[in-house]
C-alpha atoms as a PDB file:
ATOM      1  CA  UNK A   1      21.395  22.039  60.683  1.00  0.00           C
ATOM      2  CA  UNK A   2      24.151  24.711  61.404  1.00  0.00           C
ATOM      3  CA  UNK A   3      23.587  27.909  60.174  1.00  0.00           C
ATOM      4  CA  UNK A   4      26.437  27.574  57.645  1.00  0.00           C
ATOM      5  CA  UNK A   5      24.210  24.924  55.875  1.00  0.00           C
ATOM      6  CA  UNK A   6      20.843  26.967  55.947  1.00  0.00           C
ATOM      7  CA  UNK A   7      20.271  27.941  52.335  1.00  0.00           C
ATOM      8  CA  UNK A   8      23.707  26.704  51.176  1.00  0.00           C
ATOM      9  CA  UNK A   9      24.169  24.999  47.768  1.00  0.00           C
ATOM     10  CA  UNK A  10      24.691  21.203  47.306  1.00  0.00           C
ATOM     11  CA  UNK A  11      28.318  22.138  46.205  1.00  0.00           C
ATOM     12  CA  UNK A  12      29.414  24.455  49.059  1.00  0.00           C
ATOM     13  CA  UNK A  13      28.134  21.602  51.498  1.00  0.00           C
ATOM     14  CA  UNK A  14      29.928  18.965  49.420  1.00  0.00           C
ATOM     15  CA  UNK A  15      33.069  21.231  49.764  1.00  0.00           C
ATOM     16  CA  UNK A  16      32.695  21.863  53.365  1.00  0.00           C
ATOM     17  CA  UNK A  17      32.198  18.260  54.259  1.00  0.00           C
ATOM     18  CA  UNK A  18      35.053  17.376  52.189  1.00  0.00           C
ATOM     19  CA  UNK A  19      37.354  20.154  53.846  1.00  0.00           C
ATOM     20  CA  UNK A  20      36.127  18.912  57.492  1.00  0.00           C
ATOM     21  CA  UNK A  21      36.832  15.207  56.479  1.00  0.00           C
ATOM     22  CA  UNK A  22      40.309  15.919  55.135  1.00  0.00           C
ATOM     23  CA  UNK A  23      41.505  18.215  58.211  1.00  0.00           C
ATOM     24  CA  UNK A  24      39.888  15.619  60.798  1.00  0.00           C
ATOM     25  CA  UNK A  25      41.859  12.552  59.117  1.00  0.00           C
ATOM     26  CA  UNK A  26      45.010  14.743  58.865  1.00  0.00           C
ATOM     27  CA  UNK A  27      44.922  15.357  62.615  1.00  0.00           C
ATOM     28  CA  UNK A  28      43.705  11.864  63.334  1.00  0.00           C
ATOM     29  CA  UNK A  29      46.654  10.275  61.401  1.00  0.00           C
ATOM     30  CA  UNK A  30      49.460  12.813  62.077  1.00  0.00           C
ATOM     31  CA  UNK A  31      50.545  10.569  65.290  1.00  0.00           C
ATOM     32  CA  UNK A  32      51.357   7.608  63.001  1.00  0.00           C
ATOM     33  CA  UNK A  33      53.339   9.901  60.670  1.00  0.00           C
ATOM     34  CA  UNK A  34      50.868  10.022  57.911  1.00  0.00           C
ATOM     35  CA  UNK A  35      49.285  12.646  55.979  1.00  0.00           C
ATOM     36  CA  UNK A  36      45.643  12.307  54.574  1.00  0.00           C
ATOM     37  CA  UNK A  37      46.910  11.840  51.036  1.00  0.00           C
ATOM     38  CA  UNK A  38      49.402   9.266  52.398  1.00  0.00           C
ATOM     39  CA  UNK A  39      46.595   7.401  54.395  1.00  0.00           C
ATOM     40  CA  UNK A  40      44.433   7.675  51.256  1.00  0.00           C
ATOM     41  CA  UNK A  41      47.213   5.943  49.317  1.00  0.00           C
ATOM     42  CA  UNK A  42      48.096   3.242  52.025  1.00  0.00           C
ATOM     43  CA  UNK A  43      44.438   2.394  52.778  1.00  0.00           C
ATOM     44  CA  UNK A  44      43.553   1.932  49.119  1.00  0.00           C
ATOM     45  CA  UNK A  45      46.810  -0.230  48.549  1.00  0.00           C
ATOM     46  CA  UNK A  46      45.831  -2.405  51.725  1.00  0.00           C
ATOM     47  CA  UNK A  47      42.415  -2.906  50.225  1.00  0.00           C
ATOM     48  CA  UNK A  48      43.514  -4.040  46.877  1.00  0.00           C
ATOM     49  CA  UNK A  49      46.199  -6.218  48.358  1.00  0.00           C
ATOM     50  CA  UNK A  50      43.394  -7.984  50.219  1.00  0.00           C
ATOM     51  CA  UNK A  51      41.828  -8.745  46.931  1.00  0.00           C
ATOM     52  CA  UNK A  52      45.210 -10.154  45.381  1.00  0.00           C
ATOM     53  CA  UNK A  53      45.891  -7.182  43.427  1.00  0.00           C
ATOM     54  CA  UNK A  54      49.458  -5.566  43.242  1.00  0.00           C
ATOM     55  CA  UNK A  55      48.265  -2.047  41.556  1.00  0.00           C
ATOM     56  CA  UNK A  56      50.742   0.065  39.422  1.00  0.00           C
ATOM     57  CA  UNK A  57      50.897   3.530  40.457  1.00  0.00           C
ATOM     58  CA  UNK A  58      48.627   4.644  37.739  1.00  0.00           C
ATOM     59  CA  UNK A  59      46.135   2.273  38.925  1.00  0.00           C
ATOM     60  CA  UNK A  60      46.294   3.502  42.280  1.00  0.00           C
ATOM     61  CA  UNK A  61      46.053   6.982  40.988  1.00  0.00           C
ATOM     62  CA  UNK A  62      42.740   5.741  39.184  1.00  0.00           C
ATOM     63  CA  UNK A  63      41.546   4.326  42.146  1.00  0.00           C
ATOM     64  CA  UNK A  64      42.137   6.975  44.658  1.00  0.00           C
ATOM     65  CA  UNK A  65      41.105   9.831  42.126  1.00  0.00           C
ATOM     66  CA  UNK A  66      44.463  11.505  42.940  1.00  0.00           C
ATOM     67  CA  UNK A  67      46.958  12.479  39.951  1.00  0.00           C
ATOM     68  CA  UNK A  68      49.373  10.048  38.671  1.00  0.00           C
ATOM     69  CA  UNK A  69      52.389  12.514  39.445  1.00  0.00           C
ATOM     70  CA  UNK A  70      51.183  13.253  42.986  1.00  0.00           C
ATOM     71  CA  UNK A  71      50.870   9.328  43.627  1.00  0.00           C
ATOM     72  CA  UNK A  72      54.314   9.218  42.371  1.00  0.00           C
ATOM     73  CA  UNK A  73      55.799  11.576  44.842  1.00  0.00           C
ATOM     74  CA  UNK A  74      53.664   9.900  47.907  1.00  0.00           C
ATOM     75  CA  UNK A  75      54.618   6.633  46.817  1.00  0.00           C
ATOM     76  CA  UNK A  76      58.303   7.597  46.937  1.00  0.00           C
ATOM     77  CA  UNK A  77      57.908   9.398  50.247  1.00  0.00           C
ATOM     78  CA  UNK A  78      56.135   6.220  51.544  1.00  0.00           C
ATOM     79  CA  UNK A  79      58.989   4.115  50.206  1.00  0.00           C
ATOM     80  CA  UNK A  80      61.542   6.206  51.848  1.00  0.00           C
ATOM     81  CA  UNK A  81      59.512   5.655  55.204  1.00  0.00           C
ATOM     82  CA  UNK A  82      59.839   1.859  54.781  1.00  0.00           C
ATOM     83  CA  UNK A  83      55.988   1.558  54.353  1.00  0.00           C
ATOM     84  CA  UNK A  84      55.723   0.845  50.707  1.00  0.00           C
ATOM     85  CA  UNK A  85      57.920  -1.082  48.310  1.00  0.00           C
ATOM     86  CA  UNK A  86      57.866  -0.206  44.373  1.00  0.00           C
ATOM     87  CA  UNK A  87      59.023  -2.609  41.919  1.00  0.00           C
ATOM     88  CA  UNK A  88      59.163  -2.466  38.210  1.00  0.00           C
ATOM     89  CA  UNK A  89      55.922  -4.214  36.604  1.00  0.00           C
ATOM     90  CA  UNK A  90      57.352  -7.294  34.882  1.00  0.00           C
ATOM     91  CA  UNK A  91      54.538  -6.767  31.965  1.00  0.00           C
ATOM     92  CA  UNK A  92      55.623  -3.344  31.477  1.00  0.00           C
ATOM     93  CA  UNK A  93      58.860  -1.969  32.422  1.00  0.00           C
ATOM     94  CA  UNK A  94      57.742   1.802  32.516  1.00  0.00           C
ATOM     95  CA  UNK A  95      55.169   0.743  35.304  1.00  0.00           C
ATOM     96  CA  UNK A  96      56.036   0.653  38.928  1.00  0.00           C
ATOM     97  CA  UNK A  97      53.856  -1.716  41.238  1.00  0.00           C
ATOM     98  CA  UNK A  98      53.133  -1.015  44.572  1.00  0.00           C
ATOM     99  CA  UNK A  99      52.943  -3.022  47.871  1.00  0.00           C
ATOM    100  CA  UNK A 100      52.950  -2.515  51.531  1.00  0.00           C
ATOM    101  CA  UNK A 101      55.828  -3.617  53.631  1.00  0.00           C
ATOM    102  CA  UNK A 102      55.323  -5.264  56.843  1.00  0.00           C
ATOM    103  CA  UNK A 103      55.786  -2.094  58.561  1.00  0.00           C
ATOM    104  CA  UNK A 104      53.441  -0.772  56.010  1.00  0.00           C
ATOM    105  CA  UNK A 105      50.522  -3.013  56.812  1.00  0.00           C
ATOM    106  CA  UNK A 106      50.894  -2.419  60.716  1.00  0.00           C
ATOM    107  CA  UNK A 107      50.850   1.351  60.314  1.00  0.00           C
ATOM    108  CA  UNK A 108      47.815   1.260  57.866  1.00  0.00           C
ATOM    109  CA  UNK A 109      45.759  -1.291  59.927  1.00  0.00           C
ATOM    110  CA  UNK A 110      46.484   1.197  62.808  1.00  0.00           C
ATOM    111  CA  UNK A 111      45.428   4.098  60.542  1.00  0.00           C
ATOM    112  CA  UNK A 112      42.310   2.194  59.329  1.00  0.00           C
ATOM    113  CA  UNK A 113      41.081   1.722  62.963  1.00  0.00           C
ATOM    114  CA  UNK A 114      41.392   5.480  63.694  1.00  0.00           C
ATOM    115  CA  UNK A 115      39.639   6.614  60.379  1.00  0.00           C
ATOM    116  CA  UNK A 116      36.838   4.240  60.927  1.00  0.00           C
ATOM    117  CA  UNK A 117      36.333   5.783  64.383  1.00  0.00           C
ATOM    118  CA  UNK A 118      35.950   9.231  62.929  1.00  0.00           C
ATOM    119  CA  UNK A 119      34.001   7.832  60.154  1.00  0.00           C
ATOM    120  CA  UNK A 120      31.483   6.375  62.850  1.00  0.00           C
ATOM    121  CA  UNK A 121      31.528   9.896  64.547  1.00  0.00           C
ATOM    122  CA  UNK A 122      30.813  11.462  61.294  1.00  0.00           C
ATOM    123  CA  UNK A 123      27.909   9.030  60.368  1.00  0.00           C
ATOM    124  CA  UNK A 124      26.424   8.836  63.881  1.00  0.00           C
ATOM    125  CA  UNK A 125      23.519  11.277  62.851  1.00  0.00           C
ATOM    126  CA  UNK A 126      22.576   9.017  60.352  1.00  0.00           C
ATOM    127  CA  UNK A 127      22.476   5.832  62.409  1.00  0.00           C
ATOM    128  CA  UNK A 128      26.134   4.825  62.538  1.00  0.00           C
ATOM    129  CA  UNK A 129      28.307   3.672  59.574  1.00  0.00           C
ATOM    130  CA  UNK A 130      26.359   0.480  59.359  1.00  0.00           C
ATOM    131  CA  UNK A 131      22.912   1.914  59.487  1.00  0.00           C
ATOM    132  CA  UNK A 132      20.466   2.179  56.705  1.00  0.00           C
ATOM    133  CA  UNK A 133      20.469   5.812  56.285  1.00  0.00           C
ATOM    134  CA  UNK A 134      24.386   5.829  56.165  1.00  0.00           C
ATOM    135  CA  UNK A 135      24.291   2.879  53.566  1.00  0.00           C
ATOM    136  CA  UNK A 136      21.895   4.944  51.556  1.00  0.00           C
ATOM    137  CA  UNK A 137      24.131   8.109  51.757  1.00  0.00           C
ATOM    138  CA  UNK A 138      26.945   6.087  50.721  1.00  0.00           C
ATOM    139  CA  UNK A 139      25.251   4.809  47.643  1.00  0.00           C
ATOM    140  CA  UNK A 140      24.258   8.286  46.679  1.00  0.00           C
ATOM    141  CA  UNK A 141      27.830   9.555  47.028  1.00  0.00           C
ATOM    142  CA  UNK A 142      28.800   6.640  44.675  1.00  0.00           C
ATOM    143  CA  UNK A 143      25.999   7.820  42.212  1.00  0.00           C
ATOM    144  CA  UNK A 144      27.715  11.497  42.452  1.00  0.00           C
ATOM    145  CA  UNK A 145      31.279  10.133  41.688  1.00  0.00           C
ATOM    146  CA  UNK A 146      30.050   8.165  38.515  1.00  0.00           C
ATOM    147  CA  UNK A 147      28.733  11.349  37.058  1.00  0.00           C
ATOM    148  CA  UNK A 148      31.308  12.680  34.532  1.00  0.00           C
ATOM    149  CA  UNK A 149      31.823  16.560  34.829  1.00  0.00           C
ATOM    150  CA  UNK A 150      32.590  18.763  31.806  1.00  0.00           C
ATOM    151  CA  UNK A 151      35.307  21.355  33.360  1.00  0.00           C
ATOM    152  CA  UNK A 152      33.800  23.806  30.477  1.00  0.00           C
ATOM    153  CA  UNK A 153      29.942  23.163  30.141  1.00  0.00           C
ATOM    154  CA  UNK A 154      27.791  25.146  27.740  1.00  0.00           C
ATOM    155  CA  UNK A 155      26.389  28.028  29.596  1.00  0.00           C
ATOM    156  CA  UNK A 156      23.107  27.680  31.103  1.00  0.00           C
ATOM    157  CA  UNK A 157      20.254  30.206  31.608  1.00  0.00           C
ATOM    158  CA  UNK A 158      20.533  31.507  35.082  1.00  0.00           C
ATOM    159  CA  UNK A 159      17.940  32.896  37.201  1.00  0.00           C
ATOM    160  CA  UNK A 160      18.152  35.104  40.190  1.00  0.00           C
ATOM    161  CA  UNK A 161      17.973  32.275  42.705  1.00  0.00           C
ATOM    162  CA  UNK A 162      20.965  30.528  40.616  1.00  0.00           C
ATOM    163  CA  UNK A 163      23.006  33.612  41.212  1.00  0.00           C
ATOM    164  CA  UNK A 164      22.374  33.558  44.810  1.00  0.00           C
ATOM    165  CA  UNK A 165      23.208  29.900  44.971  1.00  0.00           C
ATOM    166  CA  UNK A 166      26.590  30.072  43.144  1.00  0.00           C
ATOM    167  CA  UNK A 167      27.942  33.071  45.430  1.00  0.00           C
ATOM    168  CA  UNK A 168      27.988  30.301  48.128  1.00  0.00           C
ATOM    169  CA  UNK A 169      29.957  28.119  46.417  1.00  0.00           C
ATOM    170  CA  UNK A 170      33.857  28.149  46.973  1.00  0.00           C
END
């Protein structure tokens, strides 16, 4: 365990891991002309398309956890780059459906390969991304994502050890 992790709270470690991952993905997909956020949108669109879905921008926002306005901006940028096609949803003229272009599928496929290599490196201490510890870690992360968080919870009673832990969180 690194010195930064000793005695750190779970919140601090989640923050550090998410920042480490974001920076690593940004650097890895930059040679393909992508940012981490663009990759997240493209890879999600790629996966949804493989199941026969043609999601709206709102559905993609819900799927990725990105704000709908941000997805709209990303989609416009990716459309201008020739990677995404935006069309009106025939069932809801206010909604825009997204799909990958041929070039978008090719770039996304290459980006997915690069990011899977990064994921293998990240999960190597857990036996690699297909190992049982990594699968359990993935289940635990999914369980945490399912927990609704109230942005303004009622104040809880704090102890001195709680205060020490809070100071380590960003």
